[in-house]
């Protein structure tokens, strides 16, 4: 009101704009696979890996290489090497941002800049439609990872390993939202002892600087039953990303992506 301008014209004091960065875990896992298999262990050549990717892991040789890349450590398992690469992916983007300003620079706002966000709602699913196979073993058209979460189903060392990995990211620099999605079995929260473990898990997450962690507490079996008999599960609400939704109303690819999230237990 004081400046007599709308927000878009420069009427706000802080003009801070964020992009939704999608797939950093896929990028980091892919770089780790290339580093380890092509350069460190020399188990495949760069040309062989690229040919397998172009073939979308189809064919005997591509399938053999796919087995190798799937065995390479992935982000979310508290492995310092791959976690460090994913952290570098974040940092490389963050380091670029100070060189850019919004169109409203000098037109009213005291601050006019860009920041980073990984709160990409469900866009990681349709964005994956147009991305070919990647060196981490992901198939063409498959979802990318959501937020700063591990790529679906690649975290195998339990929930503590996940937050240890995420804590290594430059979370304090991601000012517009750092989204971590996790799924637990109902049994893992049943009873006072398990509930106490979950409360401790939340407190440790906070101590590690993870400020946005959201959960589904539901089994894969129930979700698959809802896919098969949607009329019987119209009251099933799931946490998708930054919002909740009726599970049966989601497109099938998004339903599958939620099912593919690791089912954590203690």
Protein backbone atom coordinates (compact mmCIF):
# COMPACT_ATOMS: atom_id res chain seq x y z
CA UNK A 1 0.00 0.00 0.00
CA UNK A 2 2.83 2.40 0.86
CA UNK A 3 4.51 1.92 -2.52
CA UNK A 4 1.25 1.90 -4.43
CA UNK A 5 2.27 -1.24 -6.32
CA UNK A 6 1.04 -4.79 -6.62
CA UNK A 7 3.31 -7.66 -5.60
CA UNK A 8 4.16 -8.41 -9.23
CA UNK A 9 5.11 -4.80 -9.85
CA UNK A 10 7.46 -4.63 -6.86
CA UNK A 11 5.14 -3.81 -3.99
CA UNK A 12 6.56 -6.32 -1.49
CA UNK A 13 9.52 -5.67 0.80
CA UNK A 14 11.09 -9.11 0.31
CA UNK A 15 10.91 -10.38 -3.26
CA UNK A 16 12.35 -13.88 -2.78
CA UNK A 17 11.40 -16.41 -5.47
CA UNK A 18 12.07 -20.16 -5.40
CA UNK A 19 12.25 -22.88 -7.99
CA UNK A 20 11.12 -26.42 -7.30
CA UNK A 21 14.27 -28.50 -7.77
CA UNK A 22 13.32 -32.01 -8.80
CA UNK A 23 15.38 -35.20 -8.74
CA UNK A 24 18.59 -34.29 -6.85
CA UNK A 25 18.87 -37.82 -5.43
CA UNK A 26 18.59 -39.29 -8.94
CA UNK A 27 21.37 -36.97 -10.11
CA UNK A 28 23.63 -37.77 -7.15
CA UNK A 29 23.01 -41.53 -7.36
CA UNK A 30 23.75 -41.41 -11.09
CA UNK A 31 27.03 -39.58 -10.58
CA UNK A 32 28.00 -42.08 -7.87
CA UNK A 33 27.26 -45.01 -10.21
CA UNK A 34 29.39 -43.48 -12.98
CA UNK A 35 32.22 -42.62 -10.59
CA UNK A 36 32.35 -46.06 -9.06
CA UNK A 37 31.73 -48.35 -12.05
CA UNK A 38 33.44 -46.39 -14.83
CA UNK A 39 36.31 -44.58 -13.10
CA UNK A 40 37.07 -46.27 -9.76
CA UNK A 41 36.37 -49.97 -10.36
CA UNK A 42 36.41 -49.87 -14.19
CA UNK A 43 33.77 -52.58 -14.40
CA UNK A 44 32.12 -50.94 -17.43
CA UNK A 45 33.19 -48.32 -19.92
CA UNK A 46 31.39 -45.01 -20.29
CA UNK A 47 30.27 -46.11 -23.77
CA UNK A 48 28.86 -49.40 -22.43
CA UNK A 49 26.96 -47.62 -19.69
CA UNK A 50 25.47 -45.11 -22.12
CA UNK A 51 24.42 -47.88 -24.50
CA UNK A 52 22.65 -49.70 -21.66
CA UNK A 53 20.87 -46.47 -20.71
CA UNK A 54 19.78 -45.81 -24.29
CA UNK A 55 18.40 -49.36 -24.38
CA UNK A 56 16.46 -48.61 -21.18
CA UNK A 57 18.24 -51.56 -19.55
CA UNK A 58 16.70 -53.99 -22.07
CA UNK A 59 18.80 -56.82 -23.51
CA UNK A 60 21.25 -59.20 -21.87
CA UNK A 61 24.24 -56.82 -21.73
CA UNK A 62 22.14 -53.87 -20.58
CA UNK A 63 20.52 -56.06 -17.92
CA UNK A 64 23.96 -57.14 -16.68
CA UNK A 65 25.04 -53.52 -16.31
CA UNK A 66 21.73 -52.69 -14.66
CA UNK A 67 22.48 -55.23 -11.95
CA UNK A 68 25.81 -53.53 -11.33
CA UNK A 69 24.36 -50.02 -11.04
CA UNK A 70 21.59 -51.22 -8.72
CA UNK A 71 24.24 -52.54 -6.31
CA UNK A 72 26.02 -49.17 -6.09
CA UNK A 73 25.22 -47.36 -2.80
CA UNK A 74 22.32 -44.92 -2.98
CA UNK A 75 21.45 -41.76 -1.08
CA UNK A 76 19.44 -42.42 2.08
CA UNK A 77 21.57 -45.23 3.53
CA UNK A 78 24.07 -43.09 5.49
CA UNK A 79 26.87 -43.72 2.99
CA UNK A 80 29.23 -40.75 3.14
CA UNK A 81 30.43 -40.95 -0.45
CA UNK A 82 27.09 -40.89 -2.26
CA UNK A 83 25.55 -38.59 0.38
CA UNK A 84 28.42 -36.17 -0.22
CA UNK A 85 27.77 -36.20 -3.96
CA UNK A 86 24.06 -35.44 -3.45
CA UNK A 87 25.07 -32.63 -1.09
CA UNK A 88 27.36 -31.29 -3.83
CA UNK A 89 24.42 -31.35 -6.28
CA UNK A 90 22.48 -29.12 -3.88
CA UNK A 91 25.46 -26.85 -3.21
CA UNK A 92 26.30 -26.41 -6.90
CA UNK A 93 22.81 -25.02 -7.53
CA UNK A 94 22.77 -22.87 -4.41
CA UNK A 95 26.13 -21.36 -5.36
CA UNK A 96 24.67 -20.13 -8.66
CA UNK A 97 21.72 -18.26 -7.16
CA UNK A 98 23.43 -15.10 -5.83
CA UNK A 99 24.27 -14.17 -9.43
CA UNK A 100 20.60 -13.84 -10.33
CA UNK A 101 17.91 -11.32 -9.39
CA UNK A 102 14.21 -11.08 -10.13
CA UNK A 103 12.69 -8.65 -12.63
CA UNK A 104 11.71 -6.39 -9.72
CA UNK A 105 15.29 -5.53 -8.70
CA UNK A 106 15.48 -1.77 -8.03
CA UNK A 107 11.71 -1.33 -8.40
CA UNK A 108 10.76 -1.27 -4.72
CA UNK A 109 11.75 -4.45 -2.82
CA UNK A 110 14.59 -4.22 -0.32
CA UNK A 111 15.60 -7.78 -1.24
CA UNK A 112 15.14 -9.22 -4.71
CA UNK A 113 16.68 -12.67 -5.17
CA UNK A 114 16.16 -16.38 -5.74
CA UNK A 115 16.32 -19.24 -3.28
CA UNK A 116 15.99 -23.02 -3.47
CA UNK A 117 13.09 -25.34 -2.73
CA UNK A 118 12.53 -29.08 -3.08
CA UNK A 119 8.82 -28.89 -2.22
CA UNK A 120 7.76 -30.13 -5.63
CA UNK A 121 4.32 -31.55 -4.70
CA UNK A 122 3.62 -34.34 -7.25
CA UNK A 123 5.54 -32.83 -10.16
CA UNK A 124 8.33 -35.39 -9.69
CA UNK A 125 5.98 -37.96 -11.27
CA UNK A 126 4.99 -36.20 -14.54
CA UNK A 127 8.48 -34.70 -14.86
CA UNK A 128 9.80 -38.23 -14.90
CA UNK A 129 7.62 -39.04 -17.92
CA UNK A 130 9.97 -37.09 -20.19
CA UNK A 131 13.28 -38.17 -18.62
CA UNK A 132 14.99 -41.19 -20.11
CA UNK A 133 16.73 -43.93 -18.16
CA UNK A 134 19.42 -42.68 -15.78
CA UNK A 135 22.75 -44.17 -14.64
CA UNK A 136 21.39 -44.96 -11.17
CA UNK A 137 19.26 -47.75 -12.67
CA UNK A 138 16.02 -45.84 -12.96
CA UNK A 139 13.98 -46.71 -16.05
CA UNK A 140 12.80 -44.29 -18.73
CA UNK A 141 9.62 -42.46 -17.76
CA UNK A 142 9.78 -43.54 -14.11
CA UNK A 143 9.26 -40.92 -11.36
CA UNK A 144 12.21 -38.88 -10.16
CA UNK A 145 12.77 -38.62 -6.42
CA UNK A 146 10.48 -36.28 -4.53
CA UNK A 147 11.88 -33.44 -2.51
CA UNK A 148 15.11 -34.39 -0.74
CA UNK A 149 13.81 -37.92 -0.18
CA UNK A 150 15.76 -40.96 -1.32
CA UNK A 151 14.68 -42.31 -4.68
CA UNK A 152 11.71 -44.58 -4.08
CA UNK A 153 12.68 -47.94 -2.62
CA UNK A 154 16.46 -47.34 -2.60
CA UNK A 155 16.82 -46.71 1.15
CA UNK A 156 17.41 -50.06 2.84
CA UNK A 157 19.14 -49.24 6.13
CA UNK A 158 16.17 -47.95 8.12
CA UNK A 159 14.74 -44.56 9.05
CA UNK A 160 17.74 -43.41 11.08
CA UNK A 161 20.00 -43.87 8.06
CA UNK A 162 17.60 -41.74 6.00
CA UNK A 163 17.74 -38.78 8.35
CA UNK A 164 21.52 -39.17 8.72
CA UNK A 165 21.82 -38.83 4.94
CA UNK A 166 19.42 -35.89 4.70
CA UNK A 167 21.22 -34.15 7.58
CA UNK A 168 24.37 -34.01 5.42
CA UNK A 169 22.62 -31.75 2.89
CA UNK A 170 22.92 -27.95 3.11
CA UNK A 171 19.43 -27.76 4.61
CA UNK A 172 20.00 -24.40 6.26
CA UNK A 173 20.53 -22.85 2.80
CA UNK A 174 17.33 -24.26 1.26
CA UNK A 175 15.17 -21.38 2.45
CA UNK A 176 11.92 -22.12 0.58
CA UNK A 177 11.28 -25.66 1.81
CA UNK A 178 13.11 -28.96 2.01
CA UNK A 179 10.65 -31.84 1.62
CA UNK A 180 11.32 -35.29 3.09
CA UNK A 181 8.64 -37.97 2.66
CA UNK A 182 8.73 -41.25 4.60
CA UNK A 183 6.37 -44.19 5.08
CA UNK A 184 6.04 -46.42 8.14
CA UNK A 185 4.14 -49.62 8.75
CA UNK A 186 1.17 -49.36 11.16
CA UNK A 187 2.89 -51.98 13.34
CA UNK A 188 5.92 -49.72 13.79
CA UNK A 189 3.78 -47.18 15.69
CA UNK A 190 1.63 -49.68 17.59
CA UNK A 191 1.94 -49.60 21.39
CA UNK A 192 3.56 -47.14 23.77
CA UNK A 193 7.11 -48.37 23.19
CA UNK A 194 6.95 -47.92 19.43
CA UNK A 195 5.19 -44.58 19.78
CA UNK A 196 7.98 -43.44 22.11
CA UNK A 197 10.54 -44.50 19.50
CA UNK A 198 8.74 -42.44 16.87
CA UNK A 199 8.66 -39.36 19.13
CA UNK A 200 12.41 -39.77 19.72
CA UNK A 201 12.92 -40.12 15.98
CA UNK A 202 11.12 -36.80 15.41
CA UNK A 203 13.19 -35.06 18.08
CA UNK A 204 16.44 -36.36 16.62
CA UNK A 205 15.33 -35.25 13.15
CA UNK A 206 14.83 -31.75 14.49
CA UNK A 207 18.23 -31.81 16.23
CA UNK A 208 19.83 -32.81 12.93
CA UNK A 209 18.35 -29.76 11.20
CA UNK A 210 15.61 -31.58 9.27
CA UNK A 211 12.69 -29.19 9.48
CA UNK A 212 10.12 -30.77 7.17
CA UNK A 213 9.51 -34.50 7.52
CA UNK A 214 6.08 -35.94 6.72
CA UNK A 215 4.72 -39.44 6.92
CA UNK A 216 2.26 -42.01 5.73
CA UNK A 217 1.57 -44.78 8.23
CA UNK A 218 0.04 -47.42 6.01
CA UNK A 219 1.02 -50.75 4.50
CA UNK A 220 1.67 -51.49 0.84
CA UNK A 221 -0.98 -54.20 0.99
CA UNK A 222 -3.71 -51.73 1.90
CA UNK A 223 -2.64 -49.34 -0.85
CA UNK A 224 -2.68 -52.13 -3.44
CA UNK A 225 -6.12 -53.21 -2.26
CA UNK A 226 -7.28 -49.62 -2.75
CA UNK A 227 -5.95 -49.68 -6.31
CA UNK A 228 -7.78 -52.92 -7.04
CA UNK A 229 -11.08 -51.95 -5.33
CA UNK A 230 -11.25 -48.12 -5.31
CA UNK A 231 -14.97 -47.99 -4.47
CA UNK A 232 -14.22 -49.58 -1.09
CA UNK A 233 -11.45 -47.11 -0.19
CA UNK A 234 -12.91 -43.68 -0.92
CA UNK A 235 -12.09 -42.61 2.65
CA UNK A 236 -8.39 -43.48 2.40
CA UNK A 237 -6.40 -40.24 2.69
CA UNK A 238 -2.64 -40.20 2.09
CA UNK A 239 0.09 -37.63 2.42
CA UNK A 240 1.27 -37.01 -1.14
CA UNK A 241 3.79 -34.23 -0.68
CA UNK A 242 2.90 -30.86 0.82
CA UNK A 243 -0.73 -31.87 0.91
CA UNK A 244 -3.10 -34.77 1.63
CA UNK A 245 -5.38 -36.34 -0.95
CA UNK A 246 -7.87 -39.11 -1.49
CA UNK A 247 -5.67 -42.00 -2.60
CA UNK A 248 -8.10 -43.37 -5.19
CA UNK A 249 -8.35 -39.93 -6.85
CA UNK A 250 -4.63 -39.82 -7.66
CA UNK A 251 -3.39 -40.82 -11.09
CA UNK A 252 -2.07 -44.41 -11.16
CA UNK A 253 1.56 -43.34 -11.55
CA UNK A 254 1.35 -41.23 -8.38
CA UNK A 255 -0.32 -44.08 -6.52
CA UNK A 256 2.52 -46.39 -7.60
CA UNK A 257 5.14 -43.85 -6.51
CA UNK A 258 3.64 -43.74 -3.00
CA UNK A 259 3.58 -47.54 -2.83
CA UNK A 260 7.22 -47.65 -3.95
CA UNK A 261 8.33 -45.54 -0.97
CA UNK A 262 10.22 -47.73 1.47
CA UNK A 263 8.01 -49.24 4.17
CA UNK A 264 9.98 -48.43 7.33
CA UNK A 265 9.98 -50.34 10.60
CA UNK A 266 12.17 -50.24 13.71
